[in-house]
């Protein structure tokens, strides 16, 4: 049943004028009343028909935070946690609040991000890339709502995106192995159809070819950027008749899983050189401490905040930023033990 403002007002115990004020983000409605009315709108799936006047969006100082893609654990991934934390701190100092959108109901209701962003009248959005991105993300991307993506390509006139230079990520890892004298190098990536995984794998192959190093298919596996998949992938590699002496994993968590698999196989972990990617806090506390290609998570979050703020102000229309990674050498790679071919 399609609800009306009159019915929403009756359920909430307020006047139609109050509901209209809430829809149009007037400031003279109490917070408790506003929350009650908005909750009823959400419960009944009410979406107002925005007139030209209401679509001339008022400044609300609210930023939508969207973890794009099929329901996943991005909320828990240390990389994204640190990026969003940096973003929150920076955008907060500019006077903005954050509104997190869920995606659990996308397969159960006729819903889309654009309508929800219009409903809450957000000033802009940060979109965190995930796997199997919902098509509705790109409706939002093409809208007049400013959006900044992290690890997702956006192409709208009022959208931009920021990510680490993934080709350089792989280049730093392979070049370090090469300088150590390692020639038998394996790779564990994220999902095969993941943009980030594709870029890192292509970068891996390109640099391997640059130094005339063999890309052995027996030493190539894919997972999902999390520890368990790295463990499973390394188990597969360890079942091969010939083993690599070095391994680049496209995330620190997968590298940690690979280290666990090597240890469980009763092999000397120091007979392998292992490099991960991200430089999450846990990478420096495992045994051995993990060599990694650092993504500057604080800079990514801060840059995303400033770019989005300038987009909202109309000072930037769209932009693409690639952040340079940095190799951090620890005991899992780069020691004298590791230099045995």
C-alpha atoms as a PDB file:
ATOM      1  CA  UNK A   1       0.000   0.000   0.000  1.00  0.00           C
ATOM      2  CA  UNK A   2       1.338   3.411  -0.984  1.00  0.00           C
ATOM      3  CA  UNK A   3       1.459   5.701   2.046  1.00  0.00           C
ATOM      4  CA  UNK A   4       0.618   9.406   2.044  1.00  0.00           C
ATOM      5  CA  UNK A   5       1.859  12.281   4.181  1.00  0.00           C
ATOM      6  CA  UNK A   6      -1.526  12.307   5.896  1.00  0.00           C
ATOM      7  CA  UNK A   7      -1.225   8.629   6.871  1.00  0.00           C
ATOM      8  CA  UNK A   8       2.395   9.061   8.012  1.00  0.00           C
ATOM      9  CA  UNK A   9       1.320  12.021  10.162  1.00  0.00           C
ATOM     10  CA  UNK A  10      -1.509  10.015  11.737  1.00  0.00           C
ATOM     11  CA  UNK A  11       0.761   7.087  12.598  1.00  0.00           C
ATOM     12  CA  UNK A  12       3.336   9.440  14.130  1.00  0.00           C
ATOM     13  CA  UNK A  13       0.767  11.516  15.992  1.00  0.00           C
ATOM     14  CA  UNK A  14       1.887  14.782  14.381  1.00  0.00           C
ATOM     15  CA  UNK A  15       0.477  17.225  11.867  1.00  0.00           C
ATOM     16  CA  UNK A  16       0.933  16.938   8.111  1.00  0.00           C
ATOM     17  CA  UNK A  17       2.837  20.218   8.268  1.00  0.00           C
ATOM     18  CA  UNK A  18       5.350  18.628  10.665  1.00  0.00           C
ATOM     19  CA  UNK A  19       5.898  15.679   8.316  1.00  0.00           C
ATOM     20  CA  UNK A  20       6.406  18.094   5.425  1.00  0.00           C
ATOM     21  CA  UNK A  21       8.961  20.072   7.436  1.00  0.00           C
ATOM     22  CA  UNK A  22      10.886  16.887   8.232  1.00  0.00           C
ATOM     23  CA  UNK A  23      10.882  15.827   4.571  1.00  0.00           C
ATOM     24  CA  UNK A  24      12.250  19.229   3.591  1.00  0.00           C
ATOM     25  CA  UNK A  25      14.782  19.348   6.462  1.00  0.00           C
ATOM     26  CA  UNK A  26      13.473  22.353   8.357  1.00  0.00           C
ATOM     27  CA  UNK A  27      15.290  23.014  11.613  1.00  0.00           C
ATOM     28  CA  UNK A  28      12.289  23.778  13.849  1.00  0.00           C
ATOM     29  CA  UNK A  29      11.256  20.161  14.501  1.00  0.00           C
ATOM     30  CA  UNK A  30      12.408  18.370  17.627  1.00  0.00           C
ATOM     31  CA  UNK A  31      14.952  15.561  17.206  1.00  0.00           C
ATOM     32  CA  UNK A  32      12.730  12.938  18.893  1.00  0.00           C
ATOM     33  CA  UNK A  33       9.814  13.802  16.634  1.00  0.00           C
ATOM     34  CA  UNK A  34      12.029  13.759  13.559  1.00  0.00           C
ATOM     35  CA  UNK A  35      13.447  10.342  14.436  1.00  0.00           C
ATOM     36  CA  UNK A  36       9.940   8.933  15.078  1.00  0.00           C
ATOM     37  CA  UNK A  37       8.603  10.191  11.745  1.00  0.00           C
ATOM     38  CA  UNK A  38      11.639   9.009   9.790  1.00  0.00           C
ATOM     39  CA  UNK A  39      11.409   5.579  11.431  1.00  0.00           C
ATOM     40  CA  UNK A  40       7.774   5.264  10.322  1.00  0.00           C
ATOM     41  CA  UNK A  41       8.718   6.342   6.786  1.00  0.00           C
ATOM     42  CA  UNK A  42      11.402   3.659   6.695  1.00  0.00           C
ATOM     43  CA  UNK A  43       9.071   1.010   8.150  1.00  0.00           C
ATOM     44  CA  UNK A  44       6.439   1.609   5.466  1.00  0.00           C
ATOM     45  CA  UNK A  45       8.906   2.306   2.655  1.00  0.00           C
ATOM     46  CA  UNK A  46       7.591   5.839   2.167  1.00  0.00           C
ATOM     47  CA  UNK A  47       9.541   7.915  -0.342  1.00  0.00           C
ATOM     48  CA  UNK A  48       8.366  11.479  -0.997  1.00  0.00           C
ATOM     49  CA  UNK A  49       7.918  12.786  -4.542  1.00  0.00           C
ATOM     50  CA  UNK A  50      10.407  15.608  -4.592  1.00  0.00           C
ATOM     51  CA  UNK A  51       9.299  18.801  -6.287  1.00  0.00           C
ATOM     52  CA  UNK A  52      11.763  21.013  -8.135  1.00  0.00           C
ATOM     53  CA  UNK A  53      11.853  23.222  -5.059  1.00  0.00           C
ATOM     54  CA  UNK A  54      12.666  20.397  -2.657  1.00  0.00           C
ATOM     55  CA  UNK A  55      15.306  19.011  -4.994  1.00  0.00           C
ATOM     56  CA  UNK A  56      17.175  22.300  -4.740  1.00  0.00           C
ATOM     57  CA  UNK A  57      18.985  20.613  -1.902  1.00  0.00           C
ATOM     58  CA  UNK A  58      19.523  22.444   1.328  1.00  0.00           C
ATOM     59  CA  UNK A  59      22.786  22.102   3.229  1.00  0.00           C
ATOM     60  CA  UNK A  60      22.372  19.502   5.978  1.00  0.00           C
ATOM     61  CA  UNK A  61      26.040  18.924   6.914  1.00  0.00           C
ATOM     62  CA  UNK A  62      25.399  15.174   6.664  1.00  0.00           C
ATOM     63  CA  UNK A  63      27.573  12.785   4.631  1.00  0.00           C
ATOM     64  CA  UNK A  64      26.317   9.351   3.585  1.00  0.00           C
ATOM     65  CA  UNK A  65      28.707   6.432   4.099  1.00  0.00           C
ATOM     66  CA  UNK A  66      28.078   3.482   1.783  1.00  0.00           C
ATOM     67  CA  UNK A  67      29.886   0.149   1.767  1.00  0.00           C
ATOM     68  CA  UNK A  68      29.084  -0.875  -1.797  1.00  0.00           C
ATOM     69  CA  UNK A  69      28.695  -4.449  -2.917  1.00  0.00           C
ATOM     70  CA  UNK A  70      27.150  -7.703  -1.881  1.00  0.00           C
ATOM     71  CA  UNK A  71      26.876  -8.087   1.871  1.00  0.00           C
ATOM     72  CA  UNK A  72      30.467  -8.520   2.995  1.00  0.00           C
ATOM     73  CA  UNK A  73      32.838  -7.911   5.858  1.00  0.00           C
ATOM     74  CA  UNK A  74      34.189  -4.594   4.669  1.00  0.00           C
ATOM     75  CA  UNK A  75      32.939  -3.002   7.890  1.00  0.00           C
ATOM     76  CA  UNK A  76      35.434  -5.262   9.681  1.00  0.00           C
ATOM     77  CA  UNK A  77      38.392  -5.120   7.311  1.00  0.00           C
ATOM     78  CA  UNK A  78      41.238  -3.238   9.047  1.00  0.00           C
ATOM     79  CA  UNK A  79      42.134  -1.277   5.895  1.00  0.00           C
ATOM     80  CA  UNK A  80      38.663   0.206   5.477  1.00  0.00           C
ATOM     81  CA  UNK A  81      38.223   0.740   9.222  1.00  0.00           C
ATOM     82  CA  UNK A  82      41.328   2.951   9.267  1.00  0.00           C
ATOM     83  CA  UNK A  83      40.385   4.802   6.063  1.00  0.00           C
ATOM     84  CA  UNK A  84      36.885   5.604   7.335  1.00  0.00           C
ATOM     85  CA  UNK A  85      38.277   6.588  10.740  1.00  0.00           C
ATOM     86  CA  UNK A  86      40.604   9.107   9.074  1.00  0.00           C
ATOM     87  CA  UNK A  87      37.758  10.344   6.856  1.00  0.00           C
ATOM     88  CA  UNK A  88      35.436  10.747   9.865  1.00  0.00           C
ATOM     89  CA  UNK A  89      37.992  12.738  11.831  1.00  0.00           C
ATOM     90  CA  UNK A  90      38.795  15.060   8.929  1.00  0.00           C
ATOM     91  CA  UNK A  91      35.243  15.655   7.693  1.00  0.00           C
ATOM     92  CA  UNK A  92      34.081  16.034  11.301  1.00  0.00           C
ATOM     93  CA  UNK A  93      36.456  18.944  11.789  1.00  0.00           C
ATOM     94  CA  UNK A  94      34.681  20.567   8.837  1.00  0.00           C
ATOM     95  CA  UNK A  95      31.381  20.324  10.726  1.00  0.00           C
ATOM     96  CA  UNK A  96      29.865  17.268   9.019  1.00  0.00           C
ATOM     97  CA  UNK A  97      28.155  14.235  10.569  1.00  0.00           C
ATOM     98  CA  UNK A  98      28.100  10.742   9.044  1.00  0.00           C
ATOM     99  CA  UNK A  99      25.067   8.637   8.162  1.00  0.00           C
ATOM    100  CA  UNK A 100      25.827   4.948   7.498  1.00  0.00           C
ATOM    101  CA  UNK A 101      23.598   3.188   4.957  1.00  0.00           C
ATOM    102  CA  UNK A 102      22.913  -0.547   5.189  1.00  0.00           C
ATOM    103  CA  UNK A 103      22.443  -2.802   2.159  1.00  0.00           C
ATOM    104  CA  UNK A 104      20.916  -5.866   3.804  1.00  0.00           C
ATOM    105  CA  UNK A 105      17.474  -5.273   2.262  1.00  0.00           C
ATOM    106  CA  UNK A 106      18.524  -4.781  -1.362  1.00  0.00           C
ATOM    107  CA  UNK A 107      17.467  -8.238  -2.415  1.00  0.00           C
ATOM    108  CA  UNK A 108      14.154  -7.978  -0.561  1.00  0.00           C
ATOM    109  CA  UNK A 109      12.759  -4.593  -1.588  1.00  0.00           C
ATOM    110  CA  UNK A 110      12.593  -2.180  -4.492  1.00  0.00           C
ATOM    111  CA  UNK A 111      15.189   0.169  -3.041  1.00  0.00           C
ATOM    112  CA  UNK A 112      18.059   2.278  -4.281  1.00  0.00           C
ATOM    113  CA  UNK A 113      20.803   4.424  -2.826  1.00  0.00           C
ATOM    114  CA  UNK A 114      19.870   7.548  -4.760  1.00  0.00           C
ATOM    115  CA  UNK A 115      16.322   7.609  -3.354  1.00  0.00           C
ATOM    116  CA  UNK A 116      17.630   7.070   0.154  1.00  0.00           C
ATOM    117  CA  UNK A 117      20.225   9.815  -0.185  1.00  0.00           C
ATOM    118  CA  UNK A 118      17.537  12.159  -1.486  1.00  0.00           C
ATOM    119  CA  UNK A 119      15.259  11.098   1.347  1.00  0.00           C
ATOM    120  CA  UNK A 120      17.846  12.047   3.982  1.00  0.00           C
ATOM    121  CA  UNK A 121      19.032  14.994   1.871  1.00  0.00           C
ATOM    122  CA  UNK A 122      22.730  14.210   2.370  1.00  0.00           C
ATOM    123  CA  UNK A 123      25.233  16.777   1.136  1.00  0.00           C
ATOM    124  CA  UNK A 124      27.485  14.099  -0.345  1.00  0.00           C
ATOM    125  CA  UNK A 125      28.604  10.475  -0.049  1.00  0.00           C
ATOM    126  CA  UNK A 126      31.743   8.434   0.450  1.00  0.00           C
ATOM    127  CA  UNK A 127      31.433   5.050  -1.272  1.00  0.00           C
ATOM    128  CA  UNK A 128      33.713   2.202  -0.172  1.00  0.00           C
ATOM    129  CA  UNK A 129      34.296  -0.370  -2.910  1.00  0.00           C
ATOM    130  CA  UNK A 130      33.345  -3.999  -2.373  1.00  0.00           C
ATOM    131  CA  UNK A 131      32.567  -7.115  -4.393  1.00  0.00           C
ATOM    132  CA  UNK A 132      29.520  -7.451  -6.695  1.00  0.00           C
ATOM    133  CA  UNK A 133      28.585  -3.772  -6.546  1.00  0.00           C
ATOM    134  CA  UNK A 134      24.843  -3.041  -6.780  1.00  0.00           C
ATOM    135  CA  UNK A 135      23.804  -1.274 -10.009  1.00  0.00           C
ATOM    136  CA  UNK A 136      22.061   1.382  -7.921  1.00  0.00           C
ATOM    137  CA  UNK A 137      25.488   2.667  -6.862  1.00  0.00           C
ATOM    138  CA  UNK A 138      25.999   3.946 -10.393  1.00  0.00           C
ATOM    139  CA  UNK A 139      22.622   5.720 -10.383  1.00  0.00           C
ATOM    140  CA  UNK A 140      23.914   7.627  -7.371  1.00  0.00           C
ATOM    141  CA  UNK A 141      27.252   8.164  -9.127  1.00  0.00           C
ATOM    142  CA  UNK A 142      25.496   9.832 -12.095  1.00  0.00           C
ATOM    143  CA  UNK A 143      23.277  12.043  -9.906  1.00  0.00           C
ATOM    144  CA  UNK A 144      23.811  15.606  -8.706  1.00  0.00           C
ATOM    145  CA  UNK A 145      24.879  14.347  -5.260  1.00  0.00           C
ATOM    146  CA  UNK A 146      28.685  14.697  -4.889  1.00  0.00           C
ATOM    147  CA  UNK A 147      30.359  11.321  -4.310  1.00  0.00           C
ATOM    148  CA  UNK A 148      33.928  10.248  -3.561  1.00  0.00           C
ATOM    149  CA  UNK A 149      34.837   6.583  -4.019  1.00  0.00           C
ATOM    150  CA  UNK A 150      37.546   4.590  -2.253  1.00  0.00           C
ATOM    151  CA  UNK A 151      38.695   1.536  -4.213  1.00  0.00           C
ATOM    152  CA  UNK A 152      35.805   1.930  -6.657  1.00  0.00           C
ATOM    153  CA  UNK A 153      35.829   3.760 -10.000  1.00  0.00           C
ATOM    154  CA  UNK A 154      33.188   6.499 -10.248  1.00  0.00           C
ATOM    155  CA  UNK A 155      32.676   8.531 -13.415  1.00  0.00           C
ATOM    156  CA  UNK A 156      29.806  10.948 -12.729  1.00  0.00           C
ATOM    157  CA  UNK A 157      30.201  14.681 -13.305  1.00  0.00           C
ATOM    158  CA  UNK A 158      30.075  15.256  -9.546  1.00  0.00           C
ATOM    159  CA  UNK A 159      31.990  12.127  -8.559  1.00  0.00           C
ATOM    160  CA  UNK A 160      35.622  11.216  -8.074  1.00  0.00           C
ATOM    161  CA  UNK A 161      37.632   8.393  -6.618  1.00  0.00           C
ATOM    162  CA  UNK A 162      40.841   7.738  -4.742  1.00  0.00           C
ATOM    163  CA  UNK A 163      42.917   4.586  -4.391  1.00  0.00           C
ATOM    164  CA  UNK A 164      46.451   3.349  -3.998  1.00  0.00           C
ATOM    165  CA  UNK A 165      48.446   2.887  -7.207  1.00  0.00           C
ATOM    166  CA  UNK A 166      47.953  -0.881  -7.418  1.00  0.00           C
ATOM    167  CA  UNK A 167      50.470  -1.432 -10.202  1.00  0.00           C
ATOM    168  CA  UNK A 168      53.095   0.197  -8.012  1.00  0.00           C
ATOM    169  CA  UNK A 169      52.028  -2.009  -5.088  1.00  0.00           C
ATOM    170  CA  UNK A 170      53.013  -5.114  -7.053  1.00  0.00           C
ATOM    171  CA  UNK A 171      56.111  -3.475  -8.501  1.00  0.00           C
ATOM    172  CA  UNK A 172      57.514  -2.732  -5.037  1.00  0.00           C
ATOM    173  CA  UNK A 173      56.972  -6.332  -3.905  1.00  0.00           C
ATOM    174  CA  UNK A 174      58.467  -8.037  -6.973  1.00  0.00           C
ATOM    175  CA  UNK A 175      61.395  -5.636  -7.186  1.00  0.00           C
ATOM    176  CA  UNK A 176      62.244  -6.317  -3.542  1.00  0.00           C
ATOM    177  CA  UNK A 177      62.216 -10.066  -4.177  1.00  0.00           C
ATOM    178  CA  UNK A 178      64.404  -9.534  -7.249  1.00  0.00           C
ATOM    179  CA  UNK A 179      66.953  -7.532  -5.249  1.00  0.00           C
ATOM    180  CA  UNK A 180      67.063 -10.365  -2.698  1.00  0.00           C
ATOM    181  CA  UNK A 181      67.978 -12.770  -5.485  1.00  0.00           C
ATOM    182  CA  UNK A 182      64.597 -14.526  -5.410  1.00  0.00           C
ATOM    183  CA  UNK A 183      63.428 -15.881  -8.770  1.00  0.00           C
ATOM    184  CA  UNK A 184      60.696 -18.361  -7.792  1.00  0.00           C
ATOM    185  CA  UNK A 185      57.842 -16.048  -6.843  1.00  0.00           C
ATOM    186  CA  UNK A 186      54.178 -16.875  -6.213  1.00  0.00           C
ATOM    187  CA  UNK A 187      51.084 -14.697  -5.946  1.00  0.00           C
ATOM    188  CA  UNK A 188      47.870 -14.870  -3.907  1.00  0.00           C
ATOM    189  CA  UNK A 189      45.175 -12.402  -4.981  1.00  0.00           C
ATOM    190  CA  UNK A 190      41.655 -11.475  -3.982  1.00  0.00           C
ATOM    191  CA  UNK A 191      38.640 -12.522  -6.026  1.00  0.00           C
ATOM    192  CA  UNK A 192      39.481 -12.912  -9.704  1.00  0.00           C
ATOM    193  CA  UNK A 193      36.793 -10.448 -10.783  1.00  0.00           C
ATOM    194  CA  UNK A 194      37.750  -7.833  -8.177  1.00  0.00           C
ATOM    195  CA  UNK A 195      39.101  -4.636  -9.761  1.00  0.00           C
ATOM    196  CA  UNK A 196      41.760  -4.258  -7.064  1.00  0.00           C
ATOM    197  CA  UNK A 197      42.818  -7.889  -7.413  1.00  0.00           C
ATOM    198  CA  UNK A 198      42.964  -7.609 -11.202  1.00  0.00           C
ATOM    199  CA  UNK A 199      45.172  -4.517 -11.031  1.00  0.00           C
ATOM    200  CA  UNK A 200      47.577  -6.076  -8.530  1.00  0.00           C
ATOM    201  CA  UNK A 201      47.791  -9.326 -10.487  1.00  0.00           C
ATOM    202  CA  UNK A 202      48.395  -7.487 -13.756  1.00  0.00           C
ATOM    203  CA  UNK A 203      51.044  -5.381 -12.055  1.00  0.00           C
ATOM    204  CA  UNK A 204      52.631  -8.571 -10.707  1.00  0.00           C
ATOM    205  CA  UNK A 205      52.791 -10.141 -14.171  1.00  0.00           C
ATOM    206  CA  UNK A 206      54.096  -6.955 -15.778  1.00  0.00           C
ATOM    207  CA  UNK A 207      56.994  -6.580 -13.360  1.00  0.00           C
ATOM    208  CA  UNK A 208      57.789 -10.290 -13.481  1.00  0.00           C
ATOM    209  CA  UNK A 209      58.056  -9.950 -17.275  1.00  0.00           C
ATOM    210  CA  UNK A 210      60.207  -6.839 -16.910  1.00  0.00           C
ATOM    211  CA  UNK A 211      62.825  -8.874 -15.049  1.00  0.00           C
ATOM    212  CA  UNK A 212      62.291 -12.025 -17.168  1.00  0.00           C
ATOM    213  CA  UNK A 213      61.012 -13.943 -14.152  1.00  0.00           C
ATOM    214  CA  UNK A 214      58.801 -16.977 -14.818  1.00  0.00           C
ATOM    215  CA  UNK A 215      55.110 -16.666 -13.918  1.00  0.00           C
ATOM    216  CA  UNK A 216      54.370 -20.216 -12.765  1.00  0.00           C
ATOM    217  CA  UNK A 217      50.616 -20.971 -12.770  1.00  0.00           C
ATOM    218  CA  UNK A 218      51.174 -23.540 -10.004  1.00  0.00           C
ATOM    219  CA  UNK A 219      52.104 -20.667  -7.703  1.00  0.00           C
ATOM    220  CA  UNK A 220      49.098 -18.463  -8.498  1.00  0.00           C
ATOM    221  CA  UNK A 221      45.964 -18.632  -6.323  1.00  0.00           C
ATOM    222  CA  UNK A 222      43.033 -16.347  -5.542  1.00  0.00           C
ATOM    223  CA  UNK A 223      40.936 -15.796  -2.436  1.00  0.00           C
ATOM    224  CA  UNK A 224      38.934 -12.899  -0.975  1.00  0.00           C
ATOM    225  CA  UNK A 225      41.495 -10.656   0.819  1.00  0.00           C
ATOM    226  CA  UNK A 226      40.819 -12.327   4.185  1.00  0.00           C
ATOM    227  CA  UNK A 227      43.003 -14.636   6.277  1.00  0.00           C
ATOM    228  CA  UNK A 228      41.165 -17.916   5.743  1.00  0.00           C
ATOM    229  CA  UNK A 229      41.388 -17.599   1.958  1.00  0.00           C
ATOM    230  CA  UNK A 230      45.127 -16.921   2.197  1.00  0.00           C
ATOM    231  CA  UNK A 231      45.505 -20.049   4.314  1.00  0.00           C
ATOM    232  CA  UNK A 232      43.553 -22.170   1.811  1.00  0.00           C
ATOM    233  CA  UNK A 233      45.430 -20.706  -1.168  1.00  0.00           C
ATOM    234  CA  UNK A 234      48.820 -21.398   0.408  1.00  0.00           C
ATOM    235  CA  UNK A 235      47.782 -24.976   1.192  1.00  0.00           C
ATOM    236  CA  UNK A 236      47.051 -25.419  -2.523  1.00  0.00           C
ATOM    237  CA  UNK A 237      50.458 -24.044  -3.474  1.00  0.00           C
ATOM    238  CA  UNK A 238      52.216 -26.253  -0.917  1.00  0.00           C
ATOM    239  CA  UNK A 239      50.633 -29.317  -2.538  1.00  0.00           C
ATOM    240  CA  UNK A 240      52.499 -28.617  -5.794  1.00  0.00           C
ATOM    241  CA  UNK A 241      55.629 -30.665  -6.584  1.00  0.00           C
ATOM    242  CA  UNK A 242      57.823 -27.568  -6.822  1.00  0.00           C
ATOM    243  CA  UNK A 243      57.508 -24.695  -4.339  1.00  0.00           C
ATOM    244  CA  UNK A 244      58.147 -20.978  -4.691  1.00  0.00           C
ATOM    245  CA  UNK A 245      60.726 -19.348  -2.445  1.00  0.00           C
ATOM    246  CA  UNK A 246      58.882 -16.027  -2.296  1.00  0.00           C
ATOM    247  CA  UNK A 247      55.214 -15.058  -2.151  1.00  0.00           C
ATOM    248  CA  UNK A 248      53.345 -11.795  -2.655  1.00  0.00           C
ATOM    249  CA  UNK A 249      49.871 -11.777  -1.108  1.00  0.00           C
ATOM    250  CA  UNK A 250      47.548  -8.950  -2.168  1.00  0.00           C
ATOM    251  CA  UNK A 251      46.525  -8.256   1.433  1.00  0.00           C
ATOM    252  CA  UNK A 252      48.184  -8.583   4.835  1.00  0.00           C
ATOM    253  CA  UNK A 253      45.380 -10.834   6.071  1.00  0.00           C
ATOM    254  CA  UNK A 254      45.966 -13.297   3.219  1.00  0.00           C
ATOM    255  CA  UNK A 255      49.707 -13.169   3.898  1.00  0.00           C
ATOM    256  CA  UNK A 256      49.020 -14.054   7.535  1.00  0.00           C
ATOM    257  CA  UNK A 257      46.914 -16.992   6.403  1.00  0.00           C
ATOM    258  CA  UNK A 258      49.754 -18.116   4.137  1.00  0.00           C
ATOM    259  CA  UNK A 259      52.239 -17.940   7.025  1.00  0.00           C
ATOM    260  CA  UNK A 260      49.917 -20.066   9.147  1.00  0.00           C
ATOM    261  CA  UNK A 261      49.698 -22.682   6.369  1.00  0.00           C
ATOM    262  CA  UNK A 262      53.488 -22.824   6.004  1.00  0.00           C
ATOM    263  CA  UNK A 263      53.962 -23.289   9.741  1.00  0.00           C
ATOM    264  CA  UNK A 264      51.329 -26.029   9.907  1.00  0.00           C
ATOM    265  CA  UNK A 265      53.140 -27.854   7.111  1.00  0.00           C
ATOM    266  CA  UNK A 266      56.215 -28.031   9.377  1.00  0.00           C
ATOM    267  CA  UNK A 267      58.294 -26.007   6.938  1.00  0.00           C
ATOM    268  CA  UNK A 268      60.814 -23.396   8.036  1.00  0.00           C
ATOM    269  CA  UNK A 269      59.001 -20.080   7.626  1.00  0.00           C
ATOM    270  CA  UNK A 270      62.395 -18.399   7.146  1.00  0.00           C
ATOM    271  CA  UNK A 271      62.964 -20.490   4.033  1.00  0.00           C
ATOM    272  CA  UNK A 272      60.274 -18.297   2.420  1.00  0.00           C
ATOM    273  CA  UNK A 273      60.089 -14.580   1.728  1.00  0.00           C
ATOM    274  CA  UNK A 274      56.563 -13.256   2.313  1.00  0.00           C
ATOM    275  CA  UNK A 275      55.197  -9.818   1.427  1.00  0.00           C
ATOM    276  CA  UNK A 276      51.655  -8.604   2.127  1.00  0.00           C
ATOM    277  CA  UNK A 277      49.809  -5.397   1.374  1.00  0.00           C
ATOM    278  CA  UNK A 278      48.078  -2.771   3.557  1.00  0.00           C
ATOM    279  CA  UNK A 279      50.335  -2.493   6.641  1.00  0.00           C
ATOM    280  CA  UNK A 280      47.535  -3.161   9.091  1.00  0.00           C
ATOM    281  CA  UNK A 281      48.474  -2.985  12.773  1.00  0.00           C
ATOM    282  CA  UNK A 282      48.522  -6.774  13.208  1.00  0.00           C
ATOM    283  CA  UNK A 283      51.183  -7.154  10.494  1.00  0.00           C
ATOM    284  CA  UNK A 284      53.915  -5.933  12.814  1.00  0.00           C
ATOM    285  CA  UNK A 285      52.939  -8.255  15.672  1.00  0.00           C
ATOM    286  CA  UNK A 286      52.778 -11.678  14.013  1.00  0.00           C
ATOM    287  CA  UNK A 287      55.687 -14.138  13.928  1.00  0.00           C
ATOM    288  CA  UNK A 288      57.624 -13.269  11.879  1.00  0.00           C
ATOM    289  CA  UNK A 289      56.662  -9.600  11.576  1.00  0.00           C
ATOM    290  CA  UNK A 290      55.323  -9.116   8.077  1.00  0.00           C
ATOM    291  CA  UNK A 291      57.015  -7.217   5.284  1.00  0.00           C
ATOM    292  CA  UNK A 292      54.266  -5.306   3.529  1.00  0.00           C
ATOM    293  CA  UNK A 293      53.448  -2.691   0.942  1.00  0.00           C
ATOM    294  CA  UNK A 294      51.909   0.087   2.987  1.00  0.00           C
ATOM    295  CA  UNK A 295      48.775   1.830   1.818  1.00  0.00           C
ATOM    296  CA  UNK A 296      48.612   5.285   3.404  1.00  0.00           C
ATOM    297  CA  UNK A 297      45.207   4.788   4.987  1.00  0.00           C
ATOM    298  CA  UNK A 298      45.262   8.058   6.901  1.00  0.00           C
ATOM    299  CA  UNK A 299      46.122  10.021   3.757  1.00  0.00           C
ATOM    300  CA  UNK A 300      43.437   8.236   1.702  1.00  0.00           C
ATOM    301  CA  UNK A 301      40.767   9.062   4.284  1.00  0.00           C
ATOM    302  CA  UNK A 302      41.919  12.650   4.691  1.00  0.00           C
ATOM    303  CA  UNK A 303      42.188  13.212   0.930  1.00  0.00           C
ATOM    304  CA  UNK A 304      38.719  11.740   0.398  1.00  0.00           C
ATOM    305  CA  UNK A 305      37.300  14.128   2.997  1.00  0.00           C
ATOM    306  CA  UNK A 306      38.859  17.244   1.499  1.00  0.00           C
ATOM    307  CA  UNK A 307      37.935  16.308  -2.078  1.00  0.00           C
ATOM    308  CA  UNK A 308      34.322  15.594  -1.108  1.00  0.00           C
ATOM    309  CA  UNK A 309      34.087  18.865   0.827  1.00  0.00           C
ATOM    310  CA  UNK A 310      35.349  20.790  -2.227  1.00  0.00           C
ATOM    311  CA  UNK A 311      32.893  18.928  -4.474  1.00  0.00           C
ATOM    312  CA  UNK A 312      30.029  19.909  -2.188  1.00  0.00           C
ATOM    313  CA  UNK A 313      31.155  23.520  -2.367  1.00  0.00           C
ATOM    314  CA  UNK A 314      31.339  23.316  -6.153  1.00  0.00           C
ATOM    315  CA  UNK A 315      35.090  23.942  -6.210  1.00  0.00           C
ATOM    316  CA  UNK A 316      35.833  20.534  -7.833  1.00  0.00           C
ATOM    317  CA  UNK A 317      33.581  18.700 -10.280  1.00  0.00           C
ATOM    318  CA  UNK A 318      35.368  15.366 -10.566  1.00  0.00           C
ATOM    319  CA  UNK A 319      38.853  14.047  -9.925  1.00  0.00           C
ATOM    320  CA  UNK A 320      40.928  10.860  -9.737  1.00  0.00           C
ATOM    321  CA  UNK A 321      43.756  10.494  -7.207  1.00  0.00           C
ATOM    322  CA  UNK A 322      46.293   7.669  -7.008  1.00  0.00           C
ATOM    323  CA  UNK A 323      48.268   7.414  -3.746  1.00  0.00           C
ATOM    324  CA  UNK A 324      51.827   6.123  -3.840  1.00  0.00           C
ATOM    325  CA  UNK A 325      52.469   2.990  -1.710  1.00  0.00           C
ATOM    326  CA  UNK A 326      55.553   2.360   0.413  1.00  0.00           C
ATOM    327  CA  UNK A 327      57.492  -0.845   1.106  1.00  0.00           C
ATOM    328  CA  UNK A 328      57.916  -1.633   4.820  1.00  0.00           C
ATOM    329  CA  UNK A 329      60.580  -4.325   5.346  1.00  0.00           C
ATOM    330  CA  UNK A 330      60.297  -6.620   8.355  1.00  0.00           C
ATOM    331  CA  UNK A 331      61.547 -10.089   9.293  1.00  0.00           C
ATOM    332  CA  UNK A 332      59.273 -12.098   6.961  1.00  0.00           C
ATOM    333  CA  UNK A 333      61.364 -10.828   4.064  1.00  0.00           C
ATOM    334  CA  UNK A 334      64.661  -9.108   3.569  1.00  0.00           C
ATOM    335  CA  UNK A 335      66.769 -10.840   6.232  1.00  0.00           C
ATOM    336  CA  UNK A 336      69.893 -12.814   5.447  1.00  0.00           C
ATOM    337  CA  UNK A 337      68.008 -16.070   5.947  1.00  0.00           C
ATOM    338  CA  UNK A 338      65.570 -15.075   3.202  1.00  0.00           C
ATOM    339  CA  UNK A 339      68.316 -14.488   0.667  1.00  0.00           C
ATOM    340  CA  UNK A 340      68.907 -18.182   0.078  1.00  0.00           C
ATOM    341  CA  UNK A 341      67.591 -18.944  -3.428  1.00  0.00           C
END
